Amino acid sequence: SSSYQDWSDTNRDTIGATLRAAGLTADQFSSEESTMDQLRSMSQSSVGQMQALQVGHEIAAQQVAQAQKLRGLVSQQVTMMGTWYQSEQAAKDLAQNRREEFFNSTTPSTSGGQTMEPRW
């Protein structure tokens, strides 16, 4: 959980820094229209177009990195679940083997013991 939070904070900070470098701020995202207006005005010049491309590429790179990390987390979770199911099944198998051994075992021999004789 803390690793995921650190990773998420890093990604958010990186994207924020990239947007600030391109002249966008988090406040502009309160309205989608103001963000679109800013992006449209940026795209009117060659410098603005380059900044918009850089922002887009940076966001895409961050999304790829997040997807790869998420895939790793899902893989770890699947492995963990498989291990847990395997241990649960092993415990059930062991209990079943013990029951079978108990009920299929032969009764101990009763010969050779003392005979019951009344003592008056």
PDB file of N, CA and C in Angstrom:
ATOM      1  N   SER A   1       0.818  -1.197   0.000  1.00  0.00           N
ATOM      2  CA  SER A   1       0.000   0.000   0.000  1.00  0.00           C
ATOM      3  C   SER A   1       0.860   1.258   0.000  1.00  0.00           C
ATOM      4  N   SER A   2       1.895   1.267   0.845  1.00  0.00           N
ATOM      5  CA  SER A   2       2.744   2.460   0.892  1.00  0.00           C
ATOM      6  C   SER A   2       3.572   2.573  -0.389  1.00  0.00           C
ATOM      7  N   SER A   3       3.995   1.447  -0.951  1.00  0.00           N
ATOM      8  CA  SER A   3       4.739   1.476  -2.215  1.00  0.00           C
ATOM      9  C   SER A   3       3.858   2.026  -3.333  1.00  0.00           C
ATOM     10  N   TYR A   4       2.602   1.590  -3.362  1.00  0.00           N
ATOM     11  CA  TYR A   4       1.678   2.084  -4.368  1.00  0.00           C
ATOM     12  C   TYR A   4       1.458   3.583  -4.186  1.00  0.00           C
ATOM     13  N   GLN A   5       1.329   4.032  -2.943  1.00  0.00           N
ATOM     14  CA  GLN A   5       1.113   5.459  -2.682  1.00  0.00           C
ATOM     15  C   GLN A   5       2.322   6.274  -3.137  1.00  0.00           C
ATOM     16  N   ASP A   6       3.529   5.794  -2.846  1.00  0.00           N
ATOM     17  CA  ASP A   6       4.743   6.487  -3.294  1.00  0.00           C
ATOM     18  C   ASP A   6       4.792   6.562  -4.813  1.00  0.00           C
ATOM     19  N   TRP A   7       4.487   5.453  -5.460  1.00  0.00           N
ATOM     20  CA  TRP A   7       4.497   5.390  -6.915  1.00  0.00           C
ATOM     21  C   TRP A   7       3.469   6.358  -7.488  1.00  0.00           C
ATOM     22  N   SER A   8       2.266   6.368  -6.908  1.00  0.00           N
ATOM     23  CA  SER A   8       1.208   7.259  -7.375  1.00  0.00           C
ATOM     24  C   SER A   8       1.603   8.716  -7.186  1.00  0.00           C
ATOM     25  N   ASP A   9       2.186   9.051  -6.035  1.00  0.00           N
ATOM     26  CA  ASP A   9       2.636  10.427  -5.785  1.00  0.00           C
ATOM     27  C   ASP A   9       3.699  10.857  -6.785  1.00  0.00           C
ATOM     28  N   THR A  10       4.627   9.971  -7.069  1.00  0.00           N
ATOM     29  CA  THR A  10       5.692  10.290  -8.030  1.00  0.00           C
ATOM     30  C   THR A  10       5.110  10.566  -9.409  1.00  0.00           C
ATOM     31  N   ASN A  11       4.201   9.709  -9.828  1.00  0.00           N
ATOM     32  CA  ASN A  11       3.576   9.910 -11.141  1.00  0.00           C
ATOM     33  C   ASN A  11       2.792  11.212 -11.191  1.00  0.00           C
ATOM     34  N   ARG A  12       2.035  11.491 -10.146  1.00  0.00           N
ATOM     35  CA  ARG A  12       1.249  12.714 -10.101  1.00  0.00           C
ATOM     36  C   ARG A  12       2.158  13.939 -10.129  1.00  0.00           C
ATOM     37  N   ASP A  13       3.254  13.896  -9.363  1.00  0.00           N
ATOM     38  CA  ASP A  13       4.195  15.015  -9.338  1.00  0.00           C
ATOM     39  C   ASP A  13       4.860  15.219 -10.695  1.00  0.00           C
ATOM     40  N   THR A  14       5.216  14.113 -11.354  1.00  0.00           N
ATOM     41  CA  THR A  14       5.855  14.206 -12.668  1.00  0.00           C
ATOM     42  C   THR A  14       4.916  14.825 -13.695  1.00  0.00           C
ATOM     43  N   ILE A  15       3.691  14.375 -13.705  1.00  0.00           N
ATOM     44  CA  ILE A  15       2.708  14.926 -14.645  1.00  0.00           C
ATOM     45  C   ILE A  15       2.448  16.393 -14.328  1.00  0.00           C
ATOM     46  N   GLY A  16       2.319  16.718 -13.045  1.00  0.00           N
ATOM     47  CA  GLY A  16       2.106  18.112 -12.660  1.00  0.00           C
ATOM     48  C   GLY A  16       3.250  19.013 -13.091  1.00  0.00           C
ATOM     49  N   ALA A  17       4.487  18.535 -12.905  1.00  0.00           N
ATOM     50  CA  ALA A  17       5.652  19.327 -13.308  1.00  0.00           C
ATOM     51  C   ALA A  17       5.676  19.516 -14.819  1.00  0.00           C
ATOM     52  N   THR A  18       5.307  18.475 -15.553  1.00  0.00           N
ATOM     53  CA  THR A  18       5.280  18.574 -17.006  1.00  0.00           C
ATOM     54  C   THR A  18       4.237  19.581 -17.462  1.00  0.00           C
ATOM     55  N   LEU A  19       3.076  19.532 -16.841  1.00  0.00           N
ATOM     56  CA  LEU A  19       2.013  20.481 -17.206  1.00  0.00           C
ATOM     57  C   LEU A  19       2.398  21.912 -16.839  1.00  0.00           C
ATOM     58  N   ARG A  20       3.035  22.080 -15.679  1.00  0.00           N
ATOM     59  CA  ARG A  20       3.479  23.430 -15.294  1.00  0.00           C
ATOM     60  C   ARG A  20       4.513  23.955 -16.273  1.00  0.00           C
ATOM     61  N   ALA A  21       5.400  23.076 -16.703  1.00  0.00           N
ATOM     62  CA  ALA A  21       6.417  23.483 -17.674  1.00  0.00           C
ATOM     63  C   ALA A  21       5.776  23.910 -18.988  1.00  0.00           C
ATOM     64  N   ALA A  22       4.631  23.352 -19.300  1.00  0.00           N
ATOM     65  CA  ALA A  22       3.930  23.704 -20.528  1.00  0.00           C
ATOM     66  C   ALA A  22       2.972  24.870 -20.321  1.00  0.00           C
ATOM     67  N   GLY A  23       2.929  25.408 -19.124  1.00  0.00           N
ATOM     68  CA  GLY A  23       2.066  26.564 -18.871  1.00  0.00           C
ATOM     69  C   GLY A  23       0.681  26.208 -18.373  1.00  0.00           C
ATOM     70  N   LEU A  24       0.465  24.962 -18.024  1.00  0.00           N
ATOM     71  CA  LEU A  24      -0.840  24.561 -17.502  1.00  0.00           C
ATOM     72  C   LEU A  24      -0.730  24.386 -15.995  1.00  0.00           C
ATOM     73  N   THR A  25      -1.804  24.673 -15.284  1.00  0.00           N
ATOM     74  CA  THR A  25      -1.821  24.486 -13.844  1.00  0.00           C
ATOM     75  C   THR A  25      -2.983  23.582 -13.467  1.00  0.00           C
ATOM     76  N   ALA A  26      -2.903  23.033 -12.271  1.00  0.00           N
ATOM     77  CA  ALA A  26      -3.966  22.135 -11.805  1.00  0.00           C
ATOM     78  C   ALA A  26      -5.290  22.883 -11.668  1.00  0.00           C
ATOM     79  N   ASP A  27      -5.242  24.180 -11.389  1.00  0.00           N
ATOM     80  CA  ASP A  27      -6.473  24.964 -11.248  1.00  0.00           C
ATOM     81  C   ASP A  27      -7.281  24.986 -12.540  1.00  0.00           C
ATOM     82  N   GLN A  28      -6.590  24.896 -13.667  1.00  0.00           N
ATOM     83  CA  GLN A  28      -7.293  24.944 -14.945  1.00  0.00           C
ATOM     84  C   GLN A  28      -8.098  23.679 -15.198  1.00  0.00           C
ATOM     85  N   PHE A  29      -7.803  22.627 -14.477  1.00  0.00           N
ATOM     86  CA  PHE A  29      -8.524  21.386 -14.698  1.00  0.00           C
ATOM     87  C   PHE A  29      -9.888  21.362 -14.007  1.00  0.00           C
ATOM     88  N   SER A  30     -10.221  22.414 -13.281  1.00  0.00           N
ATOM     89  CA  SER A  30     -11.552  22.466 -12.676  1.00  0.00           C
ATOM     90  C   SER A  30     -12.605  22.626 -13.755  1.00  0.00           C
ATOM     91  N   SER A  31     -12.203  23.157 -14.858  1.00  0.00           N
ATOM     92  CA  SER A  31     -13.122  23.305 -15.979  1.00  0.00           C
ATOM     93  C   SER A  31     -12.473  22.706 -17.220  1.00  0.00           C
ATOM     94  N   GLU A  32     -13.117  21.751 -17.793  1.00  0.00           N
ATOM     95  CA  GLU A  32     -12.556  21.131 -18.991  1.00  0.00           C
ATOM     96  C   GLU A  32     -12.445  22.128 -20.129  1.00  0.00           C
ATOM     97  N   GLU A  33     -13.379  23.026 -20.202  1.00  0.00           N
ATOM     98  CA  GLU A  33     -13.372  24.005 -21.289  1.00  0.00           C
ATOM     99  C   GLU A  33     -12.176  24.935 -21.191  1.00  0.00           C
ATOM    100  N   SER A  34     -11.840  25.377 -19.978  1.00  0.00           N
ATOM    101  CA  SER A  34     -10.673  26.260 -19.847  1.00  0.00           C
ATOM    102  C   SER A  34      -9.391  25.511 -20.210  1.00  0.00           C
ATOM    103  N   THR A  35      -9.328  24.239 -19.891  1.00  0.00           N
ATOM    104  CA  THR A  35      -8.167  23.431 -20.262  1.00  0.00           C
ATOM    105  C   THR A  35      -8.082  23.293 -21.779  1.00  0.00           C
ATOM    106  N   MET A  36      -9.206  23.030 -22.407  1.00  0.00           N
ATOM    107  CA  MET A  36      -9.222  22.899 -23.863  1.00  0.00           C
ATOM    108  C   MET A  36      -8.859  24.224 -24.528  1.00  0.00           C
ATOM    109  N   ASP A  37      -9.342  25.330 -23.970  1.00  0.00           N
ATOM    110  CA  ASP A  37      -8.981  26.647 -24.512  1.00  0.00           C
ATOM    111  C   ASP A  37      -7.482  26.871 -24.420  1.00  0.00           C
ATOM    112  N   GLN A  38      -6.882  26.518 -23.285  1.00  0.00           N
ATOM    113  CA  GLN A  38      -5.438  26.675 -23.113  1.00  0.00           C
ATOM    114  C   GLN A  38      -4.681  25.819 -24.121  1.00  0.00           C
ATOM    115  N   LEU A  39      -5.128  24.576 -24.296  1.00  0.00           N
ATOM    116  CA  LEU A  39      -4.464  23.692 -25.263  1.00  0.00           C
ATOM    117  C   LEU A  39      -4.625  24.200 -26.692  1.00  0.00           C
ATOM    118  N   ARG A  40      -5.803  24.738 -27.016  1.00  0.00           N
ATOM    119  CA  ARG A  40      -6.025  25.295 -28.365  1.00  0.00           C
ATOM    120  C   ARG A  40      -5.106  26.485 -28.608  1.00  0.00           C
ATOM    121  N   SER A  41      -5.002  27.341 -27.610  1.00  0.00           N
ATOM    122  CA  SER A  41      -4.149  28.527 -27.795  1.00  0.00           C
ATOM    123  C   SER A  41      -2.676  28.117 -27.887  1.00  0.00           C
ATOM    124  N   MET A  42      -2.299  27.075 -27.135  1.00  0.00           N
ATOM    125  CA  MET A  42      -0.916  26.590 -27.222  1.00  0.00           C
ATOM    126  C   MET A  42      -0.617  26.043 -28.612  1.00  0.00           C
ATOM    127  N   SER A  43      -1.603  25.430 -29.230  1.00  0.00           N
ATOM    128  CA  SER A  43      -1.371  24.781 -30.515  1.00  0.00           C
ATOM    129  C   SER A  43      -1.320  25.764 -31.676  1.00  0.00           C
ATOM    130  N   GLN A  44      -1.549  27.040 -31.429  1.00  0.00           N
ATOM    131  CA  GLN A  44      -1.533  28.039 -32.498  1.00  0.00           C
ATOM    132  C   GLN A  44      -0.115  28.383 -32.941  1.00  0.00           C
ATOM    133  N   SER A  45       0.860  28.176 -32.070  1.00  0.00           N
ATOM    134  CA  SER A  45       2.246  28.477 -32.446  1.00  0.00           C
ATOM    135  C   SER A  45       3.052  27.189 -32.495  1.00  0.00           C
ATOM    136  N   SER A  46       4.185  27.251 -33.182  1.00  0.00           N
ATOM    137  CA  SER A  46       5.019  26.053 -33.284  1.00  0.00           C
ATOM    138  C   SER A  46       5.587  25.676 -31.922  1.00  0.00           C
ATOM    139  N   VAL A  47       5.918  26.688 -31.086  1.00  0.00           N
ATOM    140  CA  VAL A  47       6.426  26.405 -29.745  1.00  0.00           C
ATOM    141  C   VAL A  47       5.326  25.752 -28.909  1.00  0.00           C
ATOM    142  N   GLY A  48       4.130  26.272 -29.024  1.00  0.00           N
ATOM    143  CA  GLY A  48       2.998  25.703 -28.291  1.00  0.00           C
ATOM    144  C   GLY A  48       2.676  24.294 -28.743  1.00  0.00           C
ATOM    145  N   GLN A  49       2.775  24.068 -30.048  1.00  0.00           N
ATOM    146  CA  GLN A  49       2.535  22.724 -30.570  1.00  0.00           C
ATOM    147  C   GLN A  49       3.569  21.752 -30.017  1.00  0.00           C
ATOM    148  N   MET A  50       4.815  22.190 -29.954  1.00  0.00           N
ATOM    149  CA  MET A  50       5.880  21.331 -29.419  1.00  0.00           C
ATOM    150  C   MET A  50       5.624  21.048 -27.938  1.00  0.00           C
ATOM    151  N   GLN A  51       5.214  22.069 -27.180  1.00  0.00           N
ATOM    152  CA  GLN A  51       4.929  21.867 -25.760  1.00  0.00           C
ATOM    153  C   GLN A  51       3.758  20.903 -25.580  1.00  0.00           C
ATOM    154  N   ALA A  52       2.736  21.059 -26.398  1.00  0.00           N
ATOM    155  CA  ALA A  52       1.579  20.161 -26.308  1.00  0.00           C
ATOM    156  C   ALA A  52       1.988  18.726 -26.625  1.00  0.00           C
ATOM    157  N   LEU A  53       2.832  18.569 -27.639  1.00  0.00           N
ATOM    158  CA  LEU A  53       3.322  17.229 -27.971  1.00  0.00           C
ATOM    159  C   LEU A  53       4.145  16.647 -26.833  1.00  0.00           C
ATOM    160  N   GLN A  54       4.980  17.473 -26.237  1.00  0.00           N
ATOM    161  CA  GLN A  54       5.802  16.992 -25.132  1.00  0.00           C
ATOM    162  C   GLN A  54       4.940  16.564 -23.956  1.00  0.00           C
ATOM    163  N   VAL A  55       3.936  17.370 -23.647  1.00  0.00           N
ATOM    164  CA  VAL A  55       3.024  17.010 -22.549  1.00  0.00           C
ATOM    165  C   VAL A  55       2.306  15.705 -22.864  1.00  0.00           C
ATOM    166  N   GLY A  56       1.825  15.581 -24.090  1.00  0.00           N
ATOM    167  CA  GLY A  56       1.134  14.355 -24.486  1.00  0.00           C
ATOM    168  C   GLY A  56       2.029  13.135 -24.402  1.00  0.00           C
ATOM    169  N   HIS A  57       3.265  13.294 -24.852  1.00  0.00           N
ATOM    170  CA  HIS A  57       4.197  12.177 -24.777  1.00  0.00           C
ATOM    171  C   HIS A  57       4.542  11.822 -23.341  1.00  0.00           C
ATOM    172  N   GLU A  58       4.708  12.816 -22.501  1.00  0.00           N
ATOM    173  CA  GLU A  58       5.029  12.554 -21.102  1.00  0.00           C
ATOM    174  C   GLU A  58       3.879  11.839 -20.397  1.00  0.00           C
ATOM    175  N   ILE A  59       2.667  12.287 -20.663  1.00  0.00           N
ATOM    176  CA  ILE A  59       1.491  11.641 -20.059  1.00  0.00           C
ATOM    177  C   ILE A  59       1.378  10.204 -20.572  1.00  0.00           C
ATOM    178  N   ALA A  60       1.592   9.997 -21.867  1.00  0.00           N
ATOM    179  CA  ALA A  60       1.525   8.640 -22.425  1.00  0.00           C
ATOM    180  C   ALA A  60       2.593   7.746 -21.805  1.00  0.00           C
ATOM    181  N   ALA A  61       3.791   8.285 -21.621  1.00  0.00           N
ATOM    182  CA  ALA A  61       4.862   7.491 -21.011  1.00  0.00           C
ATOM    183  C   ALA A  61       4.512   7.122 -19.573  1.00  0.00           C
ATOM    184  N   GLN A  62       3.923   8.063 -18.848  1.00  0.00           N
ATOM    185  CA  GLN A  62       3.512   7.777 -17.475  1.00  0.00           C
ATOM    186  C   GLN A  62       2.414   6.725 -17.440  1.00  0.00           C
ATOM    187  N   GLN A  63       1.492   6.784 -18.392  1.00  0.00           N
ATOM    188  CA  GLN A  63       0.421   5.790 -18.427  1.00  0.00           C
ATOM    189  C   GLN A  63       0.974   4.402 -18.716  1.00  0.00           C
ATOM    190  N   VAL A  64       1.949   4.319 -19.615  1.00  0.00           N
ATOM    191  CA  VAL A  64       2.573   3.026 -19.901  1.00  0.00           C
ATOM    192  C   VAL A  64       3.265   2.491 -18.652  1.00  0.00           C
ATOM    193  N   ALA A  65       4.005   3.366 -17.961  1.00  0.00           N
ATOM    194  CA  ALA A  65       4.702   2.940 -16.742  1.00  0.00           C
ATOM    195  C   ALA A  65       3.701   2.471 -15.690  1.00  0.00           C
ATOM    196  N   GLN A  66       2.585   3.201 -15.557  1.00  0.00           N
ATOM    197  CA  GLN A  66       1.569   2.804 -14.580  1.00  0.00           C
ATOM    198  C   GLN A  66       0.949   1.465 -14.962  1.00  0.00           C
ATOM    199  N   ALA A  67       0.685   1.263 -16.236  1.00  0.00           N
ATOM    200  CA  ALA A  67       0.099  -0.007 -16.685  1.00  0.00           C
ATOM    201  C   ALA A  67       1.053  -1.165 -16.411  1.00  0.00           C
ATOM    202  N   GLN A  68       2.347  -0.952 -16.641  1.00  0.00           N
ATOM    203  CA  GLN A  68       3.319  -2.008 -16.386  1.00  0.00           C
ATOM    204  C   GLN A  68       3.396  -2.332 -14.897  1.00  0.00           C
ATOM    205  N   LYS A  69       3.385  -1.302 -14.061  1.00  0.00           N
ATOM    206  CA  LYS A  69       3.431  -1.549 -12.621  1.00  0.00           C
ATOM    207  C   LYS A  69       2.151  -2.220 -12.143  1.00  0.00           C
ATOM    208  N   LEU A  70       1.029  -1.797 -12.700  1.00  0.00           N
ATOM    209  CA  LEU A  70      -0.244  -2.422 -12.330  1.00  0.00           C
ATOM    210  C   LEU A  70      -0.258  -3.887 -12.749  1.00  0.00           C
ATOM    211  N   ARG A  71       0.280  -4.180 -13.928  1.00  0.00           N
ATOM    212  CA  ARG A  71       0.368  -5.568 -14.378  1.00  0.00           C
ATOM    213  C   ARG A  71       1.221  -6.388 -13.414  1.00  0.00           C
ATOM    214  N   GLY A  72       2.308  -5.795 -12.936  1.00  0.00           N
ATOM    215  CA  GLY A  72       3.156  -6.485 -11.964  1.00  0.00           C
ATOM    216  C   GLY A  72       2.418  -6.752 -10.667  1.00  0.00           C
ATOM    217  N   LEU A  73       1.636  -5.762 -10.203  1.00  0.00           N
ATOM    218  CA  LEU A  73       0.859  -5.948  -8.970  1.00  0.00           C
ATOM    219  C   LEU A  73      -0.194  -7.041  -9.136  1.00  0.00           C
ATOM    220  N   VAL A  74      -0.870  -7.043 -10.279  1.00  0.00           N
ATOM    221  CA  VAL A  74      -1.889  -8.066 -10.536  1.00  0.00           C
ATOM    222  C   VAL A  74      -1.237  -9.442 -10.591  1.00  0.00           C
ATOM    223  N   SER A  75      -0.075  -9.528 -11.223  1.00  0.00           N
ATOM    224  CA  SER A  75       0.642 -10.800 -11.295  1.00  0.00           C
ATOM    225  C   SER A  75       1.016 -11.296  -9.901  1.00  0.00           C
ATOM    226  N   GLN A  76       1.482 -10.395  -9.060  1.00  0.00           N
ATOM    227  CA  GLN A  76       1.826 -10.777  -7.688  1.00  0.00           C
ATOM    228  C   GLN A  76       0.596 -11.230  -6.925  1.00  0.00           C
ATOM    229  N   GLN A  77      -0.525 -10.547  -7.143  1.00  0.00           N
ATOM    230  CA  GLN A  77      -1.746 -10.921  -6.441  1.00  0.00           C
ATOM    231  C   GLN A  77      -2.221 -12.305  -6.892  1.00  0.00           C
ATOM    232  N   VAL A  78      -2.150 -12.575  -8.191  1.00  0.00           N
ATOM    233  CA  VAL A  78      -2.564 -13.875  -8.702  1.00  0.00           C
ATOM    234  C   VAL A  78      -1.670 -14.973  -8.122  1.00  0.00           C
ATOM    235  N   THR A  79      -0.363 -14.713  -8.067  1.00  0.00           N
ATOM    236  CA  THR A  79       0.565 -15.684  -7.487  1.00  0.00           C
ATOM    237  C   THR A  79       0.236 -15.924  -6.020  1.00  0.00           C
ATOM    238  N   MET A  80      -0.030 -14.846  -5.295  1.00  0.00           N
ATOM    239  CA  MET A  80      -0.364 -14.961  -3.874  1.00  0.00           C
ATOM    240  C   MET A  80      -1.645 -15.779  -3.688  1.00  0.00           C
ATOM    241  N   MET A  81      -2.651 -15.495  -4.512  1.00  0.00           N
ATOM    242  CA  MET A  81      -3.908 -16.233  -4.399  1.00  0.00           C
ATOM    243  C   MET A  81      -3.698 -17.708  -4.730  1.00  0.00           C
ATOM    244  N   GLY A  82      -2.901 -17.987  -5.764  1.00  0.00           N
ATOM    245  CA  GLY A  82      -2.618 -19.374  -6.118  1.00  0.00           C
ATOM    246  C   GLY A  82      -1.920 -20.105  -4.994  1.00  0.00           C
ATOM    247  N   THR A  83      -0.966 -19.442  -4.358  1.00  0.00           N
ATOM    248  CA  THR A  83      -0.246 -20.045  -3.232  1.00  0.00           C
ATOM    249  C   THR A  83      -1.193 -20.313  -2.075  1.00  0.00           C
ATOM    250  N   TRP A  84      -2.084 -19.381  -1.805  1.00  0.00           N
ATOM    251  CA  TRP A  84      -3.048 -19.554  -0.710  1.00  0.00           C
ATOM    252  C   TRP A  84      -3.989 -20.724  -1.006  1.00  0.00           C
ATOM    253  N   TYR A  85      -4.515 -20.783  -2.244  1.00  0.00           N
ATOM    254  CA  TYR A  85      -5.396 -21.898  -2.605  1.00  0.00           C
ATOM    255  C   TYR A  85      -4.657 -23.223  -2.498  1.00  0.00           C
ATOM    256  N   GLN A  86      -3.410 -23.229  -2.916  1.00  0.00           N
ATOM    257  CA  GLN A  86      -2.620 -24.456  -2.849  1.00  0.00           C
ATOM    258  C   GLN A  86      -2.428 -24.900  -1.402  1.00  0.00           C
ATOM    259  N   SER A  87      -2.142 -23.966  -0.504  1.00  0.00           N
ATOM    260  CA  SER A  87      -1.960 -24.331   0.904  1.00  0.00           C
ATOM    261  C   SER A  87      -3.273 -24.796   1.522  1.00  0.00           C
ATOM    262  N   GLU A  88      -4.374 -24.174   1.150  1.00  0.00           N
ATOM    263  CA  GLU A  88      -5.683 -24.619   1.645  1.00  0.00           C
ATOM    264  C   GLU A  88      -5.986 -26.039   1.175  1.00  0.00           C
ATOM    265  N   GLN A  89      -5.703 -26.316  -0.095  1.00  0.00           N
ATOM    266  CA  GLN A  89      -5.970 -27.653  -0.623  1.00  0.00           C
ATOM    267  C   GLN A  89      -5.045 -28.678   0.028  1.00  0.00           C
ATOM    268  N   ALA A  90      -3.796 -28.303   0.274  1.00  0.00           N
ATOM    269  CA  ALA A  90      -2.853 -29.216   0.928  1.00  0.00           C
ATOM    270  C   ALA A  90      -3.338 -29.565   2.331  1.00  0.00           C
ATOM    271  N   ALA A  91      -3.874 -28.581   3.054  1.00  0.00           N
ATOM    272  CA  ALA A  91      -4.399 -28.847   4.396  1.00  0.00           C
ATOM    273  C   ALA A  91      -5.605 -29.793   4.332  1.00  0.00           C
ATOM    274  N   LYS A  92      -6.474 -29.592   3.343  1.00  0.00           N
ATOM    275  CA  LYS A  92      -7.630 -30.476   3.180  1.00  0.00           C
ATOM    276  C   LYS A  92      -7.182 -31.889   2.811  1.00  0.00           C
ATOM    277  N   ASP A  93      -6.201 -31.989   1.922  1.00  0.00           N
ATOM    278  CA  ASP A  93      -5.694 -33.304   1.527  1.00  0.00           C
ATOM    279  C   ASP A  93      -5.081 -34.041   2.718  1.00  0.00           C
ATOM    280  N   LEU A  94      -4.327 -33.327   3.529  1.00  0.00           N
ATOM    281  CA  LEU A  94      -3.711 -33.931   4.709  1.00  0.00           C
ATOM    282  C   LEU A  94      -4.776 -34.439   5.678  1.00  0.00           C
ATOM    283  N   ALA A  95      -5.803 -33.623   5.913  1.00  0.00           N
ATOM    284  CA  ALA A  95      -6.882 -34.047   6.813  1.00  0.00           C
ATOM    285  C   ALA A  95      -7.603 -35.274   6.264  1.00  0.00           C
ATOM    286  N   GLN A  96      -7.842 -35.298   4.954  1.00  0.00           N
ATOM    287  CA  GLN A  96      -8.512 -36.450   4.343  1.00  0.00           C
ATOM    288  C   GLN A  96      -7.639 -37.696   4.459  1.00  0.00           C
ATOM    289  N   ASN A  97      -6.331 -37.568   4.219  1.00  0.00           N
ATOM    290  CA  ASN A  97      -5.426 -38.719   4.355  1.00  0.00           C
ATOM    291  C   ASN A  97      -5.426 -39.248   5.783  1.00  0.00           C
ATOM    292  N   ARG A  98      -5.452 -38.363   6.756  1.00  0.00           N
ATOM    293  CA  ARG A  98      -5.470 -38.803   8.158  1.00  0.00           C
ATOM    294  C   ARG A  98      -6.775 -39.525   8.483  1.00  0.00           C
ATOM    295  N   ARG A  99      -7.889 -39.023   7.964  1.00  0.00           N
ATOM    296  CA  ARG A  99      -9.173 -39.708   8.188  1.00  0.00           C
ATOM    297  C   ARG A  99      -9.153 -41.099   7.560  1.00  0.00           C
ATOM    298  N   GLU A 100      -8.649 -41.173   6.324  1.00  0.00           N
ATOM    299  CA  GLU A 100      -8.602 -42.468   5.644  1.00  0.00           C
ATOM    300  C   GLU A 100      -7.694 -43.447   6.379  1.00  0.00           C
ATOM    301  N   GLU A 101      -6.549 -42.989   6.855  1.00  0.00           N
ATOM    302  CA  GLU A 101      -5.646 -43.866   7.603  1.00  0.00           C
ATOM    303  C   GLU A 101      -6.315 -44.357   8.877  1.00  0.00           C
ATOM    304  N   PHE A 102      -7.044 -43.477   9.541  1.00  0.00           N
ATOM    305  CA  PHE A 102      -7.700 -43.852  10.793  1.00  0.00           C
ATOM    306  C   PHE A 102      -8.770 -44.914  10.545  1.00  0.00           C
ATOM    307  N   PHE A 103      -9.629 -44.680   9.554  1.00  0.00           N
ATOM    308  CA  PHE A 103     -10.740 -45.593   9.328  1.00  0.00           C
ATOM    309  C   PHE A 103     -10.332 -46.860   8.573  1.00  0.00           C
ATOM    310  N   ASN A 104      -9.243 -46.824   7.847  1.00  0.00           N
ATOM    311  CA  ASN A 104      -8.798 -48.006   7.102  1.00  0.00           C
ATOM    312  C   ASN A 104      -7.756 -48.821   7.862  1.00  0.00           C
ATOM    313  N   SER A 105      -7.350 -48.376   9.005  1.00  0.00           N
ATOM    314  CA  SER A 105      -6.323 -49.113   9.747  1.00  0.00           C
ATOM    315  C   SER A 105      -6.929 -50.381  10.352  1.00  0.00           C
ATOM    316  N   THR A 106      -6.087 -51.351  10.577  1.00  0.00           N
ATOM    317  CA  THR A 106      -6.548 -52.600  11.188  1.00  0.00           C
ATOM    318  C   THR A 106      -6.597 -52.413  12.696  1.00  0.00           C
ATOM    319  N   THR A 107      -7.511 -53.119  13.292  1.00  0.00           N
ATOM    320  CA  THR A 107      -7.631 -53.015  14.745  1.00  0.00           C
ATOM    321  C   THR A 107      -6.465 -53.730  15.397  1.00  0.00           C
ATOM    322  N   PRO A 108      -6.006 -53.227  16.489  1.00  0.00           N
ATOM    323  CA  PRO A 108      -4.874 -53.876  17.150  1.00  0.00           C
ATOM    324  C   PRO A 108      -5.261 -55.279  17.634  1.00  0.00           C
ATOM    325  N   SER A 109      -4.298 -56.140  17.683  1.00  0.00           N
ATOM    326  CA  SER A 109      -4.518 -57.524  18.112  1.00  0.00           C
ATOM    327  C   SER A 109      -4.878 -57.540  19.598  1.00  0.00           C
ATOM    328  N   THR A 110      -5.847 -58.383  19.929  1.00  0.00           N
ATOM    329  CA  THR A 110      -6.257 -58.506  21.334  1.00  0.00           C
ATOM    330  C   THR A 110      -5.800 -59.821  21.934  1.00  0.00           C
ATOM    331  N   SER A 111      -5.084 -60.614  21.179  1.00  0.00           N
ATOM    332  CA  SER A 111      -4.636 -61.907  21.718  1.00  0.00           C
ATOM    333  C   SER A 111      -3.374 -61.696  22.548  1.00  0.00           C
ATOM    334  N   GLY A 112      -3.160 -62.628  23.449  1.00  0.00           N
ATOM    335  CA  GLY A 112      -1.968 -62.585  24.266  1.00  0.00           C
ATOM    336  C   GLY A 112      -2.130 -61.791  25.540  1.00  0.00           C
ATOM    337  N   GLY A 113      -3.304 -61.310  25.797  1.00  0.00           N
ATOM    338  CA  GLY A 113      -3.523 -60.548  27.019  1.00  0.00           C
ATOM    339  C   GLY A 113      -3.946 -61.450  28.161  1.00  0.00           C
ATOM    340  N   GLN A 114      -4.292 -60.889  29.270  1.00  0.00           N
ATOM    341  CA  GLN A 114      -4.745 -61.669  30.423  1.00  0.00           C
ATOM    342  C   GLN A 114      -6.163 -62.149  30.192  1.00  0.00           C
ATOM    343  N   THR A 115      -6.460 -63.275  30.732  1.00  0.00           N
ATOM    344  CA  THR A 115      -7.815 -63.771  30.675  1.00  0.00           C
ATOM    345  C   THR A 115      -8.552 -63.272  31.900  1.00  0.00           C
ATOM    346  N   MET A 116      -9.797 -63.038  31.742  1.00  0.00           N
ATOM    347  CA  MET A 116     -10.601 -62.545  32.835  1.00  0.00           C
ATOM    348  C   MET A 116     -11.046 -63.727  33.703  1.00  0.00           C
ATOM    349  N   GLU A 117     -10.630 -63.715  34.924  1.00  0.00           N
ATOM    350  CA  GLU A 117     -11.042 -64.762  35.838  1.00  0.00           C
ATOM    351  C   GLU A 117     -11.595 -64.100  37.075  1.00  0.00           C
ATOM    352  N   PRO A 118     -12.710 -64.652  37.532  1.00  0.00           N
ATOM    353  CA  PRO A 118     -13.252 -64.052  38.765  1.00  0.00           C
ATOM    354  C   PRO A 118     -12.357 -64.369  39.950  1.00  0.00           C
ATOM    355  N   ARG A 119     -12.156 -63.449  40.791  1.00  0.00           N
ATOM    356  CA  ARG A 119     -11.345 -63.640  42.005  1.00  0.00           C
ATOM    357  C   ARG A 119     -12.254 -63.455  43.210  1.00  0.00           C
ATOM    358  N   TRP A 120     -12.470 -64.560  43.891  1.00  0.00           N
ATOM    359  CA  TRP A 120     -13.359 -64.514  45.067  1.00  0.00           C
ATOM    360  C   TRP A 120     -12.616 -64.353  46.292  1.00  0.00           C
TER     361      TRP A 120
END
